[in-house]
């Protein structure tokens, strides 16, 4: 049996992400307090919905920050991957919260389209601008690490949605100021909902895909099997499994049946290196964590096949 243990995990990078998340969390919490006060003063549904959105984002960023701290912990005999999956769980919960807020916003906005409430546009504009400035700063802070894992992607997505929500609030305030059309507030709430729901559904689908231990997106297991079986001396590949522990951490296991002569000739070690190099460099999804059980052809009759 062989293993490839190239982690490529940078603790310095994770520490930088923690710092970014801490700043974004502090800014978002301050904006949340400001928007709650603003919603009470102006009686704006759009601002109230955006404040509710900010509440879920504040909780989401707190989860993201917690996950970023957990990821830094070393593996143990009880948790052999450490807490790497914490970022997936965090992103799943964040996306579920976003989806709930988006649905609530849409329902309440439709209701208030028929019974519009009186809104103070000056205050609405002020708090919308405050929210936008804070969100732009948070976006700038998080942007450098947004591609590192799902946890950071979810955090960045939340801040972007907040910024777009603030833009909708500002537009509603301007419309009400010049036209007196109070339904603009409900329209802004609907826009915020439309921005939230599709992105939340997409992210929830990605995290669920990982939690169900599905084959990593972009990896064709049939092509992997064919390529492995084309290596010299390989008779067949069975019990082939591929999944994903966390972002950028795909894993693969397989039983590889080889000619009996490979064992007598002592060349199985070279074949193992070829197998590991194949899955690490040949395919679009690079798998650096691979485990292969090399078996002589005479051993296959005693095995029960499971999986692909």
C-alpha atoms as a PDB file:
ATOM      1  CA  UNK A   1       0.000   0.000   0.000  1.00  0.00           C
ATOM      2  CA  UNK A   2       1.304   3.449  -0.844  1.00  0.00           C
ATOM      3  CA  UNK A   3       0.519   6.977   0.197  1.00  0.00           C
ATOM      4  CA  UNK A   4       1.302  10.405  -1.155  1.00  0.00           C
ATOM      5  CA  UNK A   5       1.386  13.007   1.606  1.00  0.00           C
ATOM      6  CA  UNK A   6       2.023  16.387  -0.011  1.00  0.00           C
ATOM      7  CA  UNK A   7      -0.120  18.849   1.946  1.00  0.00           C
ATOM      8  CA  UNK A   8       0.638  22.206   0.383  1.00  0.00           C
ATOM      9  CA  UNK A   9      -1.049  23.811   3.368  1.00  0.00           C
ATOM     10  CA  UNK A  10       0.370  27.172   4.445  1.00  0.00           C
ATOM     11  CA  UNK A  11      -0.154  28.172   8.064  1.00  0.00           C
ATOM     12  CA  UNK A  12       1.029  31.672   7.221  1.00  0.00           C
ATOM     13  CA  UNK A  13      -1.750  31.937   4.646  1.00  0.00           C
ATOM     14  CA  UNK A  14      -4.316  30.697   7.189  1.00  0.00           C
ATOM     15  CA  UNK A  15      -3.078  33.212   9.755  1.00  0.00           C
ATOM     16  CA  UNK A  16      -3.479  36.019   7.220  1.00  0.00           C
ATOM     17  CA  UNK A  17      -7.036  34.842   6.512  1.00  0.00           C
ATOM     18  CA  UNK A  18      -7.823  34.926  10.229  1.00  0.00           C
ATOM     19  CA  UNK A  19      -6.664  38.535  10.434  1.00  0.00           C
ATOM     20  CA  UNK A  20      -8.769  39.499   7.411  1.00  0.00           C
ATOM     21  CA  UNK A  21     -11.839  37.798   8.849  1.00  0.00           C
ATOM     22  CA  UNK A  22     -11.359  39.452  12.242  1.00  0.00           C
ATOM     23  CA  UNK A  23     -11.296  42.935  10.676  1.00  0.00           C
ATOM     24  CA  UNK A  24     -14.282  42.146   8.437  1.00  0.00           C
ATOM     25  CA  UNK A  25     -16.234  40.813  11.432  1.00  0.00           C
ATOM     26  CA  UNK A  26     -15.562  43.963  13.486  1.00  0.00           C
ATOM     27  CA  UNK A  27     -16.598  46.278  10.629  1.00  0.00           C
ATOM     28  CA  UNK A  28     -19.727  44.260   9.825  1.00  0.00           C
ATOM     29  CA  UNK A  29     -20.806  44.230  13.475  1.00  0.00           C
ATOM     30  CA  UNK A  30     -20.513  48.033  13.623  1.00  0.00           C
ATOM     31  CA  UNK A  31     -22.538  48.406  10.409  1.00  0.00           C
ATOM     32  CA  UNK A  32     -25.182  46.049  11.835  1.00  0.00           C
ATOM     33  CA  UNK A  33     -25.620  48.265  14.912  1.00  0.00           C
ATOM     34  CA  UNK A  34     -25.862  51.379  12.711  1.00  0.00           C
ATOM     35  CA  UNK A  35     -28.449  49.804  10.382  1.00  0.00           C
ATOM     36  CA  UNK A  36     -30.658  48.565  13.232  1.00  0.00           C
ATOM     37  CA  UNK A  37     -30.720  52.101  14.614  1.00  0.00           C
ATOM     38  CA  UNK A  38     -31.362  53.463  11.121  1.00  0.00           C
ATOM     39  CA  UNK A  39     -34.233  51.022  10.442  1.00  0.00           C
ATOM     40  CA  UNK A  40     -35.949  52.109  13.652  1.00  0.00           C
ATOM     41  CA  UNK A  41     -35.508  55.811  12.872  1.00  0.00           C
ATOM     42  CA  UNK A  42     -36.508  55.681   9.178  1.00  0.00           C
ATOM     43  CA  UNK A  43     -39.116  52.860   9.298  1.00  0.00           C
ATOM     44  CA  UNK A  44     -37.491  51.372   6.187  1.00  0.00           C
ATOM     45  CA  UNK A  45     -38.111  47.725   5.265  1.00  0.00           C
ATOM     46  CA  UNK A  46     -35.136  47.726   2.895  1.00  0.00           C
ATOM     47  CA  UNK A  47     -32.859  48.906   5.688  1.00  0.00           C
ATOM     48  CA  UNK A  48     -34.415  46.439   8.130  1.00  0.00           C
ATOM     49  CA  UNK A  49     -33.926  43.567   5.665  1.00  0.00           C
ATOM     50  CA  UNK A  50     -30.377  44.696   5.040  1.00  0.00           C
ATOM     51  CA  UNK A  51     -29.844  44.820   8.815  1.00  0.00           C
ATOM     52  CA  UNK A  52     -31.180  41.249   9.087  1.00  0.00           C
ATOM     53  CA  UNK A  53     -28.826  40.327   6.272  1.00  0.00           C
ATOM     54  CA  UNK A  54     -26.008  42.003   8.171  1.00  0.00           C
ATOM     55  CA  UNK A  55     -26.943  40.012  11.285  1.00  0.00           C
ATOM     56  CA  UNK A  56     -26.594  36.710   9.412  1.00  0.00           C
ATOM     57  CA  UNK A  57     -23.372  37.958   7.861  1.00  0.00           C
ATOM     58  CA  UNK A  58     -22.000  38.934  11.257  1.00  0.00           C
ATOM     59  CA  UNK A  59     -22.808  35.452  12.533  1.00  0.00           C
ATOM     60  CA  UNK A  60     -21.404  33.983   9.321  1.00  0.00           C
ATOM     61  CA  UNK A  61     -18.150  35.894   9.645  1.00  0.00           C
ATOM     62  CA  UNK A  62     -17.907  34.799  13.275  1.00  0.00           C
ATOM     63  CA  UNK A  63     -18.327  31.199  12.097  1.00  0.00           C
ATOM     64  CA  UNK A  64     -15.761  31.777   9.367  1.00  0.00           C
ATOM     65  CA  UNK A  65     -13.321  33.214  11.908  1.00  0.00           C
ATOM     66  CA  UNK A  66     -13.921  30.248  14.215  1.00  0.00           C
ATOM     67  CA  UNK A  67     -13.384  27.832  11.330  1.00  0.00           C
ATOM     68  CA  UNK A  68     -10.180  29.631  10.308  1.00  0.00           C
ATOM     69  CA  UNK A  69      -8.875  29.128  13.854  1.00  0.00           C
ATOM     70  CA  UNK A  70      -9.882  25.455  13.882  1.00  0.00           C
ATOM     71  CA  UNK A  71      -8.155  24.819  10.551  1.00  0.00           C
ATOM     72  CA  UNK A  72      -4.849  25.828  12.164  1.00  0.00           C
ATOM     73  CA  UNK A  73      -5.038  22.943  14.654  1.00  0.00           C
ATOM     74  CA  UNK A  74      -2.783  19.982  13.959  1.00  0.00           C
ATOM     75  CA  UNK A  75      -4.196  16.521  13.117  1.00  0.00           C
ATOM     76  CA  UNK A  76      -4.501  14.016  15.951  1.00  0.00           C
ATOM     77  CA  UNK A  77      -5.075  10.276  16.181  1.00  0.00           C
ATOM     78  CA  UNK A  78      -8.777  11.006  16.731  1.00  0.00           C
ATOM     79  CA  UNK A  79      -9.029  13.609  13.941  1.00  0.00           C
ATOM     80  CA  UNK A  80      -6.547  12.528  11.288  1.00  0.00           C
ATOM     81  CA  UNK A  81      -7.434  15.466   9.036  1.00  0.00           C
ATOM     82  CA  UNK A  82      -7.525  17.883  11.930  1.00  0.00           C
ATOM     83  CA  UNK A  83     -10.397  20.368  11.603  1.00  0.00           C
ATOM     84  CA  UNK A  84      -9.989  20.943   7.864  1.00  0.00           C
ATOM     85  CA  UNK A  85     -13.672  20.210   7.240  1.00  0.00           C
ATOM     86  CA  UNK A  86     -14.680  23.008   9.634  1.00  0.00           C
ATOM     87  CA  UNK A  87     -14.451  25.464   6.729  1.00  0.00           C
ATOM     88  CA  UNK A  88     -16.974  23.409   4.725  1.00  0.00           C
ATOM     89  CA  UNK A  89     -19.386  23.192   7.659  1.00  0.00           C
ATOM     90  CA  UNK A  90     -19.015  26.934   8.239  1.00  0.00           C
ATOM     91  CA  UNK A  91     -19.698  27.743   4.584  1.00  0.00           C
ATOM     92  CA  UNK A  92     -22.744  25.432   4.605  1.00  0.00           C
ATOM     93  CA  UNK A  93     -24.254  27.169   7.619  1.00  0.00           C
ATOM     94  CA  UNK A  94     -23.491  30.614   6.185  1.00  0.00           C
ATOM     95  CA  UNK A  95     -25.193  29.795   2.888  1.00  0.00           C
ATOM     96  CA  UNK A  96     -28.231  28.351   4.699  1.00  0.00           C
ATOM     97  CA  UNK A  97     -28.537  31.557   6.738  1.00  0.00           C
ATOM     98  CA  UNK A  98     -28.267  33.673   3.582  1.00  0.00           C
ATOM     99  CA  UNK A  99     -30.976  31.619   1.902  1.00  0.00           C
ATOM    100  CA  UNK A 100     -33.340  32.015   4.877  1.00  0.00           C
ATOM    101  CA  UNK A 101     -32.837  35.798   4.945  1.00  0.00           C
ATOM    102  CA  UNK A 102     -33.369  36.051   1.183  1.00  0.00           C
ATOM    103  CA  UNK A 103     -36.677  34.177   1.312  1.00  0.00           C
ATOM    104  CA  UNK A 104     -37.878  36.237   4.283  1.00  0.00           C
ATOM    105  CA  UNK A 105     -36.973  39.472   2.512  1.00  0.00           C
ATOM    106  CA  UNK A 106     -38.902  38.503  -0.606  1.00  0.00           C
ATOM    107  CA  UNK A 107     -42.051  37.543   1.315  1.00  0.00           C
ATOM    108  CA  UNK A 108     -42.103  40.684   3.451  1.00  0.00           C
ATOM    109  CA  UNK A 109     -41.294  42.936   0.495  1.00  0.00           C
ATOM    110  CA  UNK A 110     -44.239  41.596  -1.517  1.00  0.00           C
ATOM    111  CA  UNK A 111     -46.530  42.171   1.458  1.00  0.00           C
ATOM    112  CA  UNK A 112     -45.392  45.792   1.816  1.00  0.00           C
ATOM    113  CA  UNK A 113     -45.824  46.447  -1.902  1.00  0.00           C
ATOM    114  CA  UNK A 114     -49.557  46.333  -1.250  1.00  0.00           C
ATOM    115  CA  UNK A 115     -49.380  48.280   2.017  1.00  0.00           C
ATOM    116  CA  UNK A 116     -46.366  50.612   1.710  1.00  0.00           C
ATOM    117  CA  UNK A 117     -45.111  52.208   4.910  1.00  0.00           C
ATOM    118  CA  UNK A 118     -43.950  55.794   5.332  1.00  0.00           C
ATOM    119  CA  UNK A 119     -40.159  56.000   5.054  1.00  0.00           C
ATOM    120  CA  UNK A 120     -37.770  58.858   5.909  1.00  0.00           C
ATOM    121  CA  UNK A 121     -35.507  59.112   2.832  1.00  0.00           C
ATOM    122  CA  UNK A 122     -32.817  61.360   4.369  1.00  0.00           C
ATOM    123  CA  UNK A 123     -32.028  58.930   7.155  1.00  0.00           C
ATOM    124  CA  UNK A 124     -32.311  56.004   4.760  1.00  0.00           C
ATOM    125  CA  UNK A 125     -29.729  57.598   2.469  1.00  0.00           C
ATOM    126  CA  UNK A 126     -27.342  58.325   5.353  1.00  0.00           C
ATOM    127  CA  UNK A 127     -27.381  54.802   6.739  1.00  0.00           C
ATOM    128  CA  UNK A 128     -27.189  53.320   3.237  1.00  0.00           C
ATOM    129  CA  UNK A 129     -23.982  55.270   2.581  1.00  0.00           C
ATOM    130  CA  UNK A 130     -22.532  54.226   5.957  1.00  0.00           C
ATOM    131  CA  UNK A 131     -23.285  50.583   5.142  1.00  0.00           C
ATOM    132  CA  UNK A 132     -21.774  50.823   1.662  1.00  0.00           C
ATOM    133  CA  UNK A 133     -18.534  52.398   2.892  1.00  0.00           C
ATOM    134  CA  UNK A 134     -18.110  49.762   5.581  1.00  0.00           C
ATOM    135  CA  UNK A 135     -18.816  46.920   3.161  1.00  0.00           C
ATOM    136  CA  UNK A 136     -16.363  48.250   0.569  1.00  0.00           C
ATOM    137  CA  UNK A 137     -13.651  48.300   3.237  1.00  0.00           C
ATOM    138  CA  UNK A 138     -14.505  44.718   4.261  1.00  0.00           C
ATOM    139  CA  UNK A 139     -14.470  43.601   0.615  1.00  0.00           C
ATOM    140  CA  UNK A 140     -11.012  45.089   0.170  1.00  0.00           C
ATOM    141  CA  UNK A 141      -9.738  43.351   3.313  1.00  0.00           C
ATOM    142  CA  UNK A 142     -11.110  39.890   2.430  1.00  0.00           C
ATOM    143  CA  UNK A 143     -10.506  39.992  -1.350  1.00  0.00           C
ATOM    144  CA  UNK A 144      -6.858  38.882  -1.117  1.00  0.00           C
ATOM    145  CA  UNK A 145      -7.841  35.558   0.461  1.00  0.00           C
ATOM    146  CA  UNK A 146     -11.198  34.882  -1.164  1.00  0.00           C
ATOM    147  CA  UNK A 147      -9.888  32.115  -3.459  1.00  0.00           C
ATOM    148  CA  UNK A 148      -8.062  30.155  -0.761  1.00  0.00           C
ATOM    149  CA  UNK A 149     -11.031  28.044   0.401  1.00  0.00           C
ATOM    150  CA  UNK A 150     -14.828  27.810   0.601  1.00  0.00           C
ATOM    151  CA  UNK A 151     -14.869  29.460   4.014  1.00  0.00           C
ATOM    152  CA  UNK A 152     -13.243  32.629   2.643  1.00  0.00           C
ATOM    153  CA  UNK A 153     -15.407  32.505  -0.490  1.00  0.00           C
ATOM    154  CA  UNK A 154     -18.549  32.400   1.639  1.00  0.00           C
ATOM    155  CA  UNK A 155     -17.314  35.309   3.758  1.00  0.00           C
ATOM    156  CA  UNK A 156     -16.446  37.379   0.682  1.00  0.00           C
ATOM    157  CA  UNK A 157     -19.812  36.553  -0.895  1.00  0.00           C
ATOM    158  CA  UNK A 158     -21.641  37.772   2.188  1.00  0.00           C
ATOM    159  CA  UNK A 159     -19.793  41.094   2.185  1.00  0.00           C
ATOM    160  CA  UNK A 160     -20.403  41.587  -1.566  1.00  0.00           C
ATOM    161  CA  UNK A 161     -24.110  40.927  -1.058  1.00  0.00           C
ATOM    162  CA  UNK A 162     -24.126  43.431   1.793  1.00  0.00           C
ATOM    163  CA  UNK A 163     -22.525  46.064  -0.450  1.00  0.00           C
ATOM    164  CA  UNK A 164     -25.082  45.462  -3.197  1.00  0.00           C
ATOM    165  CA  UNK A 165     -27.843  45.660  -0.608  1.00  0.00           C
ATOM    166  CA  UNK A 166     -26.518  49.031   0.545  1.00  0.00           C
ATOM    167  CA  UNK A 167     -26.546  50.245  -3.069  1.00  0.00           C
ATOM    168  CA  UNK A 168     -30.203  49.203  -3.347  1.00  0.00           C
ATOM    169  CA  UNK A 169     -30.984  51.087  -0.119  1.00  0.00           C
ATOM    170  CA  UNK A 170     -29.273  54.241  -1.437  1.00  0.00           C
ATOM    171  CA  UNK A 171     -31.181  54.067  -4.739  1.00  0.00           C
ATOM    172  CA  UNK A 172     -34.481  53.618  -2.876  1.00  0.00           C
ATOM    173  CA  UNK A 173     -33.682  56.652  -0.704  1.00  0.00           C
ATOM    174  CA  UNK A 174     -32.970  58.799  -3.775  1.00  0.00           C
ATOM    175  CA  UNK A 175     -36.166  57.671  -5.531  1.00  0.00           C
ATOM    176  CA  UNK A 176     -38.297  58.389  -2.462  1.00  0.00           C
ATOM    177  CA  UNK A 177     -36.648  61.781  -1.993  1.00  0.00           C
ATOM    178  CA  UNK A 178     -37.443  62.944  -5.533  1.00  0.00           C
ATOM    179  CA  UNK A 179     -40.748  61.171  -6.216  1.00  0.00           C
ATOM    180  CA  UNK A 180     -42.269  60.291  -2.835  1.00  0.00           C
ATOM    181  CA  UNK A 181     -42.916  56.750  -4.155  1.00  0.00           C
ATOM    182  CA  UNK A 182     -42.726  54.685  -0.948  1.00  0.00           C
ATOM    183  CA  UNK A 183     -42.893  51.362  -2.777  1.00  0.00           C
ATOM    184  CA  UNK A 184     -39.289  51.957  -3.855  1.00  0.00           C
ATOM    185  CA  UNK A 185     -38.341  50.722  -0.385  1.00  0.00           C
ATOM    186  CA  UNK A 186     -40.067  47.372  -0.996  1.00  0.00           C
ATOM    187  CA  UNK A 187     -38.563  47.132  -4.481  1.00  0.00           C
ATOM    188  CA  UNK A 188     -35.100  47.595  -2.940  1.00  0.00           C
ATOM    189  CA  UNK A 189     -35.848  44.803  -0.470  1.00  0.00           C
ATOM    190  CA  UNK A 190     -36.831  42.530  -3.389  1.00  0.00           C
ATOM    191  CA  UNK A 191     -33.597  43.405  -5.186  1.00  0.00           C
ATOM    192  CA  UNK A 192     -31.583  42.503  -2.099  1.00  0.00           C
ATOM    193  CA  UNK A 193     -33.438  39.178  -1.911  1.00  0.00           C
ATOM    194  CA  UNK A 194     -32.767  38.491  -5.606  1.00  0.00           C
ATOM    195  CA  UNK A 195     -29.068  39.096  -5.004  1.00  0.00           C
ATOM    196  CA  UNK A 196     -28.922  36.813  -1.990  1.00  0.00           C
ATOM    197  CA  UNK A 197     -30.881  33.701  -2.997  1.00  0.00           C
ATOM    198  CA  UNK A 198     -29.091  32.478  -6.187  1.00  0.00           C
ATOM    199  CA  UNK A 199     -25.626  32.879  -4.683  1.00  0.00           C
ATOM    200  CA  UNK A 200     -26.683  31.173  -1.460  1.00  0.00           C
ATOM    201  CA  UNK A 201     -28.163  28.237  -3.392  1.00  0.00           C
ATOM    202  CA  UNK A 202     -24.993  27.864  -5.475  1.00  0.00           C
ATOM    203  CA  UNK A 203     -22.693  27.898  -2.461  1.00  0.00           C
ATOM    204  CA  UNK A 204     -24.970  25.495  -0.558  1.00  0.00           C
ATOM    205  CA  UNK A 205     -24.796  23.111  -3.518  1.00  0.00           C
ATOM    206  CA  UNK A 206     -20.987  23.217  -3.523  1.00  0.00           C
ATOM    207  CA  UNK A 207     -20.642  22.555   0.191  1.00  0.00           C
ATOM    208  CA  UNK A 208     -23.262  19.784   0.140  1.00  0.00           C
ATOM    209  CA  UNK A 209     -21.356  18.166  -2.734  1.00  0.00           C
ATOM    210  CA  UNK A 210     -18.279  17.939  -0.486  1.00  0.00           C
ATOM    211  CA  UNK A 211     -20.171  16.804   2.612  1.00  0.00           C
ATOM    212  CA  UNK A 212     -21.762  13.951   0.609  1.00  0.00           C
ATOM    213  CA  UNK A 213     -18.213  12.922  -0.381  1.00  0.00           C
ATOM    214  CA  UNK A 214     -19.057  13.130  -4.070  1.00  0.00           C
ATOM    215  CA  UNK A 215     -16.337  12.953  -6.706  1.00  0.00           C
ATOM    216  CA  UNK A 216     -14.575  16.351  -6.941  1.00  0.00           C
ATOM    217  CA  UNK A 217     -16.058  18.503  -9.707  1.00  0.00           C
ATOM    218  CA  UNK A 218     -13.990  18.345 -12.863  1.00  0.00           C
ATOM    219  CA  UNK A 219     -12.587  14.874 -12.153  1.00  0.00           C
ATOM    220  CA  UNK A 220     -13.739  12.031 -14.445  1.00  0.00           C
ATOM    221  CA  UNK A 221     -13.214   8.754 -12.563  1.00  0.00           C
ATOM    222  CA  UNK A 222     -13.707   6.710 -15.727  1.00  0.00           C
ATOM    223  CA  UNK A 223     -10.848   8.620 -17.347  1.00  0.00           C
ATOM    224  CA  UNK A 224      -8.744   8.101 -14.208  1.00  0.00           C
ATOM    225  CA  UNK A 225      -9.391   4.367 -14.316  1.00  0.00           C
ATOM    226  CA  UNK A 226      -8.525   4.140 -18.025  1.00  0.00           C
ATOM    227  CA  UNK A 227      -5.307   6.089 -17.540  1.00  0.00           C
ATOM    228  CA  UNK A 228      -4.190   4.010 -14.553  1.00  0.00           C
ATOM    229  CA  UNK A 229      -4.965   0.752 -16.339  1.00  0.00           C
ATOM    230  CA  UNK A 230      -2.856   1.917 -19.299  1.00  0.00           C
ATOM    231  CA  UNK A 231       0.305   1.939 -17.145  1.00  0.00           C
ATOM    232  CA  UNK A 232       2.716  -0.940 -17.837  1.00  0.00           C
ATOM    233  CA  UNK A 233       2.005  -3.996 -15.722  1.00  0.00           C
ATOM    234  CA  UNK A 234      -1.443  -2.882 -14.513  1.00  0.00           C
ATOM    235  CA  UNK A 235      -4.176  -5.431 -15.188  1.00  0.00           C
ATOM    236  CA  UNK A 236      -7.152  -3.696 -13.579  1.00  0.00           C
ATOM    237  CA  UNK A 237      -8.194  -0.992 -11.112  1.00  0.00           C
ATOM    238  CA  UNK A 238     -11.080  -1.496  -8.697  1.00  0.00           C
ATOM    239  CA  UNK A 239     -12.458   0.003  -5.477  1.00  0.00           C
ATOM    240  CA  UNK A 240     -11.689   3.405  -6.973  1.00  0.00           C
ATOM    241  CA  UNK A 241     -12.933   6.270  -4.791  1.00  0.00           C
ATOM    242  CA  UNK A 242     -12.372  10.015  -4.923  1.00  0.00           C
ATOM    243  CA  UNK A 243     -13.786  12.665  -2.616  1.00  0.00           C
ATOM    244  CA  UNK A 244     -12.870  15.999  -1.065  1.00  0.00           C
ATOM    245  CA  UNK A 245     -12.003  16.695   2.574  1.00  0.00           C
ATOM    246  CA  UNK A 246     -12.077  20.490   2.191  1.00  0.00           C
ATOM    247  CA  UNK A 247     -11.247  23.170  -0.362  1.00  0.00           C
ATOM    248  CA  UNK A 248      -8.204  22.222  -2.462  1.00  0.00           C
ATOM    249  CA  UNK A 249      -7.906  18.898  -0.645  1.00  0.00           C
ATOM    250  CA  UNK A 250      -9.142  16.061  -2.919  1.00  0.00           C
ATOM    251  CA  UNK A 251      -8.242  12.487  -1.991  1.00  0.00           C
ATOM    252  CA  UNK A 252      -8.247   9.242  -3.953  1.00  0.00           C
ATOM    253  CA  UNK A 253      -7.954   5.565  -3.053  1.00  0.00           C
ATOM    254  CA  UNK A 254      -7.794   2.507  -5.322  1.00  0.00           C
ATOM    255  CA  UNK A 255      -6.857  -1.157  -5.485  1.00  0.00           C
ATOM    256  CA  UNK A 256      -4.505  -1.812  -8.393  1.00  0.00           C
ATOM    257  CA  UNK A 257      -4.150  -5.359  -9.727  1.00  0.00           C
ATOM    258  CA  UNK A 258      -0.760  -5.994 -11.350  1.00  0.00           C
ATOM    259  CA  UNK A 259       1.002  -8.899 -12.959  1.00  0.00           C
ATOM    260  CA  UNK A 260       2.492 -11.366 -10.482  1.00  0.00           C
ATOM    261  CA  UNK A 261       5.880 -10.892 -12.113  1.00  0.00           C
ATOM    262  CA  UNK A 262       5.992  -7.300 -10.804  1.00  0.00           C
ATOM    263  CA  UNK A 263       6.384  -8.589  -7.270  1.00  0.00           C
ATOM    264  CA  UNK A 264       9.040 -11.152  -8.106  1.00  0.00           C
ATOM    265  CA  UNK A 265      10.964  -8.552 -10.124  1.00  0.00           C
ATOM    266  CA  UNK A 266      10.775  -6.004  -7.296  1.00  0.00           C
ATOM    267  CA  UNK A 267       9.474  -3.175  -9.477  1.00  0.00           C
ATOM    268  CA  UNK A 268       6.223  -2.519  -7.601  1.00  0.00           C
ATOM    269  CA  UNK A 269       7.794   0.533  -5.928  1.00  0.00           C
ATOM    270  CA  UNK A 270       8.388   2.192  -9.279  1.00  0.00           C
ATOM    271  CA  UNK A 271       4.814   1.482 -10.307  1.00  0.00           C
ATOM    272  CA  UNK A 272       3.569   3.101  -7.100  1.00  0.00           C
ATOM    273  CA  UNK A 273       5.454   6.304  -7.956  1.00  0.00           C
ATOM    274  CA  UNK A 274       3.949   6.234 -11.457  1.00  0.00           C
ATOM    275  CA  UNK A 275       0.439   5.851 -10.034  1.00  0.00           C
ATOM    276  CA  UNK A 276       0.896   8.753  -7.609  1.00  0.00           C
ATOM    277  CA  UNK A 277       2.430  10.986 -10.260  1.00  0.00           C
ATOM    278  CA  UNK A 278      -0.399  10.155 -12.642  1.00  0.00           C
ATOM    279  CA  UNK A 279      -3.219  11.351 -10.385  1.00  0.00           C
ATOM    280  CA  UNK A 280      -1.181  14.330  -9.140  1.00  0.00           C
ATOM    281  CA  UNK A 281      -0.236  15.799 -12.514  1.00  0.00           C
ATOM    282  CA  UNK A 282      -2.199  14.284 -15.401  1.00  0.00           C
ATOM    283  CA  UNK A 283      -5.718  15.522 -14.628  1.00  0.00           C
ATOM    284  CA  UNK A 284      -7.277  18.964 -14.224  1.00  0.00           C
ATOM    285  CA  UNK A 285      -7.976  18.182 -10.557  1.00  0.00           C
ATOM    286  CA  UNK A 286      -4.562  17.499  -9.012  1.00  0.00           C
ATOM    287  CA  UNK A 287      -4.776  14.816  -6.317  1.00  0.00           C
ATOM    288  CA  UNK A 288      -1.757  14.929  -4.050  1.00  0.00           C
ATOM    289  CA  UNK A 289      -3.321  12.743  -1.344  1.00  0.00           C
ATOM    290  CA  UNK A 290      -3.572   9.318  -2.976  1.00  0.00           C
ATOM    291  CA  UNK A 291      -3.536   5.822  -1.500  1.00  0.00           C
ATOM    292  CA  UNK A 292      -3.005   2.738  -3.654  1.00  0.00           C
ATOM    293  CA  UNK A 293      -3.172  -0.890  -2.643  1.00  0.00           C
ATOM    294  CA  UNK A 294      -1.113  -2.887  -5.126  1.00  0.00           C
ATOM    295  CA  UNK A 295      -2.268  -6.491  -5.465  1.00  0.00           C
ATOM    296  CA  UNK A 296      -0.981  -9.478  -7.446  1.00  0.00           C
ATOM    297  CA  UNK A 297      -3.430 -10.928  -9.948  1.00  0.00           C
ATOM    298  CA  UNK A 298      -3.750 -14.076  -7.849  1.00  0.00           C
ATOM    299  CA  UNK A 299      -5.101 -12.012  -4.925  1.00  0.00           C
ATOM    300  CA  UNK A 300      -8.090 -10.523  -6.779  1.00  0.00           C
ATOM    301  CA  UNK A 301     -10.275 -13.626  -6.517  1.00  0.00           C
ATOM    302  CA  UNK A 302     -10.350 -13.266  -2.727  1.00  0.00           C
ATOM    303  CA  UNK A 303     -11.599  -9.644  -2.745  1.00  0.00           C
ATOM    304  CA  UNK A 304     -15.094  -8.197  -2.782  1.00  0.00           C
ATOM    305  CA  UNK A 305     -15.371  -5.095  -4.930  1.00  0.00           C
ATOM    306  CA  UNK A 306     -16.991  -1.950  -3.555  1.00  0.00           C
ATOM    307  CA  UNK A 307     -17.604   1.292  -5.395  1.00  0.00           C
ATOM    308  CA  UNK A 308     -16.379   2.341  -8.815  1.00  0.00           C
END
